[in-house]
């Protein structure tokens, strides 16, 4: 696969310890995610692991929930701060001619809405 957005980094602060939050990433207008995409996150032991997410290709939205100190919080501490490092992977099998899916073009920014 390839990573069209590069590594996605963000920090969520002012949470209660061990609280969870839902993150919504809105792709810019004109870009559409595909169902075969995979989202991976950096784990506490510095390995990349599959991270569960919901994809709404009709509205260009990726949504997931992270709990402070658990998978998706790369510092691994229930300290009221979530440090998230991840990537959206598009499978190599997707091509411009793929009529079953839409292709994500390279972009520079993904907006994170808390």
C-alpha atoms as a PDB file:
ATOM      1  CA  UNK A   1       0.000   0.000   0.000  1.00  0.00           C
ATOM      2  CA  UNK A   2       0.920   3.659  -0.050  1.00  0.00           C
ATOM      3  CA  UNK A   3       0.380   6.504   2.390  1.00  0.00           C
ATOM      4  CA  UNK A   4      -1.041   9.521   0.524  1.00  0.00           C
ATOM      5  CA  UNK A   5      -1.208  11.843   3.560  1.00  0.00           C
ATOM      6  CA  UNK A   6       2.076  10.883   5.200  1.00  0.00           C
ATOM      7  CA  UNK A   7       2.133  10.408   8.964  1.00  0.00           C
ATOM      8  CA  UNK A   8      -0.794  12.028  10.789  1.00  0.00           C
ATOM      9  CA  UNK A   9       0.245  13.513  14.146  1.00  0.00           C
ATOM     10  CA  UNK A  10      -1.958  15.240  16.679  1.00  0.00           C
ATOM     11  CA  UNK A  11      -2.361  15.683  20.423  1.00  0.00           C
ATOM     12  CA  UNK A  12      -5.621  15.858  22.351  1.00  0.00           C
ATOM     13  CA  UNK A  13      -5.317  17.593  25.731  1.00  0.00           C
ATOM     14  CA  UNK A  14      -7.531  18.514  28.698  1.00  0.00           C
ATOM     15  CA  UNK A  15      -9.049  15.054  29.010  1.00  0.00           C
ATOM     16  CA  UNK A  16      -9.841  13.296  32.247  1.00  0.00           C
ATOM     17  CA  UNK A  17      -7.312  10.549  32.918  1.00  0.00           C
ATOM     18  CA  UNK A  18      -8.142   7.392  30.923  1.00  0.00           C
ATOM     19  CA  UNK A  19     -11.044   9.189  29.156  1.00  0.00           C
ATOM     20  CA  UNK A  20     -11.933   8.452  25.578  1.00  0.00           C
ATOM     21  CA  UNK A  21     -12.571  10.866  22.757  1.00  0.00           C
ATOM     22  CA  UNK A  22     -13.913  10.505  19.247  1.00  0.00           C
ATOM     23  CA  UNK A  23     -11.847  12.022  16.456  1.00  0.00           C
ATOM     24  CA  UNK A  24     -13.280  12.956  13.080  1.00  0.00           C
ATOM     25  CA  UNK A  25     -10.931  13.593  10.186  1.00  0.00           C
ATOM     26  CA  UNK A  26     -12.504  15.440   7.296  1.00  0.00           C
ATOM     27  CA  UNK A  27     -10.816  15.038   3.952  1.00  0.00           C
ATOM     28  CA  UNK A  28     -10.768  18.236   1.877  1.00  0.00           C
ATOM     29  CA  UNK A  29     -13.524  18.726  -0.676  1.00  0.00           C
ATOM     30  CA  UNK A  30     -12.857  16.798  -3.835  1.00  0.00           C
ATOM     31  CA  UNK A  31     -11.089  13.863  -2.151  1.00  0.00           C
ATOM     32  CA  UNK A  32     -12.806  10.589  -1.403  1.00  0.00           C
ATOM     33  CA  UNK A  33     -11.617   7.703   0.756  1.00  0.00           C
ATOM     34  CA  UNK A  34     -12.108   4.123  -0.372  1.00  0.00           C
ATOM     35  CA  UNK A  35     -13.536   1.214   1.594  1.00  0.00           C
ATOM     36  CA  UNK A  36     -10.372  -0.876   1.193  1.00  0.00           C
ATOM     37  CA  UNK A  37      -8.275   1.686   3.094  1.00  0.00           C
ATOM     38  CA  UNK A  38      -6.542   0.706   6.320  1.00  0.00           C
ATOM     39  CA  UNK A  39      -5.712   3.002   9.246  1.00  0.00           C
ATOM     40  CA  UNK A  40      -2.633   2.123  11.294  1.00  0.00           C
ATOM     41  CA  UNK A  41      -1.462   3.709  14.541  1.00  0.00           C
ATOM     42  CA  UNK A  42       1.851   3.779  16.361  1.00  0.00           C
ATOM     43  CA  UNK A  43       1.540   1.634  19.478  1.00  0.00           C
ATOM     44  CA  UNK A  44       3.165   2.207  22.863  1.00  0.00           C
ATOM     45  CA  UNK A  45       5.971  -0.207  21.924  1.00  0.00           C
ATOM     46  CA  UNK A  46       6.695   1.753  18.693  1.00  0.00           C
ATOM     47  CA  UNK A  47       5.169  -0.751  16.285  1.00  0.00           C
ATOM     48  CA  UNK A  48       2.523   0.031  13.666  1.00  0.00           C
ATOM     49  CA  UNK A  49      -0.759  -1.786  14.264  1.00  0.00           C
ATOM     50  CA  UNK A  50      -4.161  -1.806  12.575  1.00  0.00           C
ATOM     51  CA  UNK A  51      -6.465   0.691  14.265  1.00  0.00           C
ATOM     52  CA  UNK A  52     -10.263   0.410  14.054  1.00  0.00           C
ATOM     53  CA  UNK A  53     -12.002   3.256  12.240  1.00  0.00           C
ATOM     54  CA  UNK A  54     -15.238   4.057  10.466  1.00  0.00           C
ATOM     55  CA  UNK A  55     -15.229   5.377   6.946  1.00  0.00           C
ATOM     56  CA  UNK A  56     -17.999   7.475   5.443  1.00  0.00           C
ATOM     57  CA  UNK A  57     -16.940   7.752   1.797  1.00  0.00           C
ATOM     58  CA  UNK A  58     -20.056   9.746   0.898  1.00  0.00           C
ATOM     59  CA  UNK A  59     -19.001  12.603   3.182  1.00  0.00           C
ATOM     60  CA  UNK A  60     -15.189  12.149   3.102  1.00  0.00           C
ATOM     61  CA  UNK A  61     -15.066  11.462   6.837  1.00  0.00           C
ATOM     62  CA  UNK A  62     -12.898   9.081   8.857  1.00  0.00           C
ATOM     63  CA  UNK A  63     -13.971   8.601  12.496  1.00  0.00           C
ATOM     64  CA  UNK A  64     -12.386   6.679  15.359  1.00  0.00           C
ATOM     65  CA  UNK A  65     -12.347   6.587  19.149  1.00  0.00           C
ATOM     66  CA  UNK A  66      -9.196   6.711  21.273  1.00  0.00           C
ATOM     67  CA  UNK A  67      -8.958   6.043  25.008  1.00  0.00           C
ATOM     68  CA  UNK A  68      -6.210   7.845  26.914  1.00  0.00           C
ATOM     69  CA  UNK A  69      -3.395   5.384  27.660  1.00  0.00           C
ATOM     70  CA  UNK A  70      -4.607   2.656  25.293  1.00  0.00           C
ATOM     71  CA  UNK A  71      -4.111   1.740  21.638  1.00  0.00           C
ATOM     72  CA  UNK A  72      -3.943   4.942  19.596  1.00  0.00           C
ATOM     73  CA  UNK A  73      -2.282   6.912  22.408  1.00  0.00           C
ATOM     74  CA  UNK A  74       1.395   6.486  21.607  1.00  0.00           C
ATOM     75  CA  UNK A  75       2.592   7.663  25.047  1.00  0.00           C
ATOM     76  CA  UNK A  76       0.651   4.762  26.628  1.00  0.00           C
ATOM     77  CA  UNK A  77      -0.141   6.756  29.759  1.00  0.00           C
ATOM     78  CA  UNK A  78      -3.583   7.528  31.194  1.00  0.00           C
ATOM     79  CA  UNK A  79      -2.529  11.113  31.866  1.00  0.00           C
ATOM     80  CA  UNK A  80      -5.266  13.208  30.235  1.00  0.00           C
ATOM     81  CA  UNK A  81      -3.239  13.650  27.030  1.00  0.00           C
ATOM     82  CA  UNK A  82      -3.533  11.567  23.865  1.00  0.00           C
ATOM     83  CA  UNK A  83      -0.557  11.627  21.516  1.00  0.00           C
ATOM     84  CA  UNK A  84      -1.655  10.063  18.240  1.00  0.00           C
ATOM     85  CA  UNK A  85       0.563   9.092  15.328  1.00  0.00           C
ATOM     86  CA  UNK A  86      -1.021   7.202  12.468  1.00  0.00           C
ATOM     87  CA  UNK A  87      -1.373   6.775   8.728  1.00  0.00           C
ATOM     88  CA  UNK A  88      -4.113   5.971   6.251  1.00  0.00           C
ATOM     89  CA  UNK A  89      -2.960   3.250   3.860  1.00  0.00           C
ATOM     90  CA  UNK A  90      -4.407   2.817   0.387  1.00  0.00           C
ATOM     91  CA  UNK A  91      -3.953  -0.676  -1.111  1.00  0.00           C
ATOM     92  CA  UNK A  92      -1.641  -1.097  -4.106  1.00  0.00           C
ATOM     93  CA  UNK A  93      -4.462  -2.768  -6.016  1.00  0.00           C
ATOM     94  CA  UNK A  94      -6.346   0.551  -6.389  1.00  0.00           C
ATOM     95  CA  UNK A  95      -5.715   2.249  -9.707  1.00  0.00           C
ATOM     96  CA  UNK A  96      -7.096   5.154 -11.687  1.00  0.00           C
ATOM     97  CA  UNK A  97      -9.079   2.674 -13.775  1.00  0.00           C
ATOM     98  CA  UNK A  98     -10.700   1.029 -10.708  1.00  0.00           C
ATOM     99  CA  UNK A  99     -14.379   1.713 -11.279  1.00  0.00           C
ATOM    100  CA  UNK A 100     -15.454   0.123  -7.981  1.00  0.00           C
ATOM    101  CA  UNK A 101     -13.555   2.616  -5.799  1.00  0.00           C
ATOM    102  CA  UNK A 102     -12.545   6.241  -5.664  1.00  0.00           C
ATOM    103  CA  UNK A 103      -8.891   7.190  -5.482  1.00  0.00           C
ATOM    104  CA  UNK A 104      -7.393   9.487  -2.860  1.00  0.00           C
ATOM    105  CA  UNK A 105      -5.056  11.995  -4.446  1.00  0.00           C
ATOM    106  CA  UNK A 106      -2.085  13.409  -2.606  1.00  0.00           C
ATOM    107  CA  UNK A 107      -3.047  16.230  -0.268  1.00  0.00           C
ATOM    108  CA  UNK A 108      -1.178  18.283   2.291  1.00  0.00           C
ATOM    109  CA  UNK A 109      -3.634  18.517   5.161  1.00  0.00           C
ATOM    110  CA  UNK A 110      -6.214  16.476   7.017  1.00  0.00           C
ATOM    111  CA  UNK A 111      -8.402  18.472   9.395  1.00  0.00           C
ATOM    112  CA  UNK A 112      -8.923  16.939  12.830  1.00  0.00           C
ATOM    113  CA  UNK A 113     -12.161  17.898  14.555  1.00  0.00           C
ATOM    114  CA  UNK A 114     -12.464  17.193  18.266  1.00  0.00           C
END
